[in-house]
């Protein structure tokens, strides 16, 4: 079991090394950082969070495609004099 955990930790470190934001971190800090990260697979058409909701996390996309949308519709209000 320990060996499996070690392999998973190595995999997670390799993933975060792909992001420039972590490029200056030394390996020891990367190993500490992964303790606080959650890695997840998301199914197609799954909504992570909706507009005007506060997200629970910061998301990094490692693989696949994603779409960000913005509702630009504004309700028309009549102006009364």
Protein backbone atom coordinates (compact mmCIF):
# COMPACT_ATOMS: atom_id res chain seq x y z
CA UNK A 1 0.00 0.00 0.00
CA UNK A 2 2.84 2.41 0.82
CA UNK A 3 4.38 1.83 -2.61
CA UNK A 4 1.07 2.67 -4.31
CA UNK A 5 0.81 5.90 -2.32
CA UNK A 6 4.39 6.81 -3.24
CA UNK A 7 3.67 6.21 -6.95
CA UNK A 8 0.52 8.34 -6.72
CA UNK A 9 2.43 11.14 -5.01
CA UNK A 10 5.09 11.04 -7.75
CA UNK A 11 2.35 11.21 -10.38
CA UNK A 12 0.79 14.25 -8.66
CA UNK A 13 4.15 16.01 -8.44
CA UNK A 14 4.71 15.43 -12.16
CA UNK A 15 1.31 16.95 -12.90
CA UNK A 16 1.93 20.15 -10.95
CA UNK A 17 5.36 20.48 -12.55
CA UNK A 18 3.51 21.18 -15.82
CA UNK A 19 2.19 24.47 -14.46
CA UNK A 20 4.49 27.49 -14.58
CA UNK A 21 3.04 28.82 -11.33
CA UNK A 22 4.78 25.97 -9.49
CA UNK A 23 8.01 26.04 -11.52
CA UNK A 24 10.03 27.82 -8.82
CA UNK A 25 8.97 25.40 -6.09
CA UNK A 26 11.66 22.99 -4.95
CA UNK A 27 10.68 19.31 -4.94
CA UNK A 28 10.24 19.26 -1.15
CA UNK A 29 7.68 22.07 -1.37
CA UNK A 30 5.88 20.35 -4.25
CA UNK A 31 5.64 17.20 -2.14
CA UNK A 32 4.14 19.26 0.68
CA UNK A 33 1.76 21.06 -1.68
CA UNK A 34 0.17 17.88 -3.05
CA UNK A 35 -1.13 17.11 0.44
CA UNK A 36 -3.51 20.05 -0.02
CA UNK A 37 -4.57 19.34 -3.60
CA UNK A 38 -7.51 17.26 -4.71
CA UNK A 39 -7.27 15.58 -8.09
CA UNK A 40 -10.52 14.67 -9.77
CA UNK A 41 -11.92 13.33 -13.02
CA UNK A 42 -14.90 15.22 -14.32
CA UNK A 43 -17.45 13.67 -16.65
CA UNK A 44 -18.48 15.32 -19.91
CA UNK A 45 -21.09 18.10 -19.52
CA UNK A 46 -20.48 18.31 -15.78
CA UNK A 47 -20.84 21.82 -14.31
CA UNK A 48 -18.11 22.68 -11.81
CA UNK A 49 -19.73 25.92 -10.69
CA UNK A 50 -22.21 28.40 -12.13
CA UNK A 51 -21.97 32.09 -12.86
CA UNK A 52 -22.34 34.26 -9.74
CA UNK A 53 -21.54 31.32 -7.46
CA UNK A 54 -18.36 31.45 -5.46
CA UNK A 55 -16.23 28.44 -6.37
CA UNK A 56 -14.99 26.24 -3.55
CA UNK A 57 -11.56 25.69 -5.10
CA UNK A 58 -9.02 26.91 -7.60
CA UNK A 59 -9.13 24.63 -10.63
CA UNK A 60 -6.21 23.57 -12.82
CA UNK A 61 -7.07 21.67 -15.97
CA UNK A 62 -4.53 18.95 -16.62
CA UNK A 63 -6.07 17.18 -19.58
CA UNK A 64 -9.13 17.47 -21.79
CA UNK A 65 -11.35 20.31 -22.88
CA UNK A 66 -13.47 22.73 -20.93
CA UNK A 67 -15.78 25.61 -21.63
CA UNK A 68 -16.26 28.83 -19.73
CA UNK A 69 -19.47 30.70 -20.43
CA UNK A 70 -20.80 34.10 -19.46
CA UNK A 71 -24.41 35.19 -19.59
CA UNK A 72 -24.51 38.64 -21.18
CA UNK A 73 -28.28 39.01 -21.21
CA UNK A 74 -29.47 42.03 -19.25
CA UNK A 75 -33.08 42.47 -18.29
CA UNK A 76 -34.60 45.54 -19.91
CA UNK A 77 -36.25 47.89 -17.49
CA UNK A 78 -38.73 50.49 -18.54
CA UNK A 79 -37.85 54.05 -17.58
CA UNK A 80 -40.76 55.97 -16.17
CA UNK A 81 -40.80 59.76 -16.08
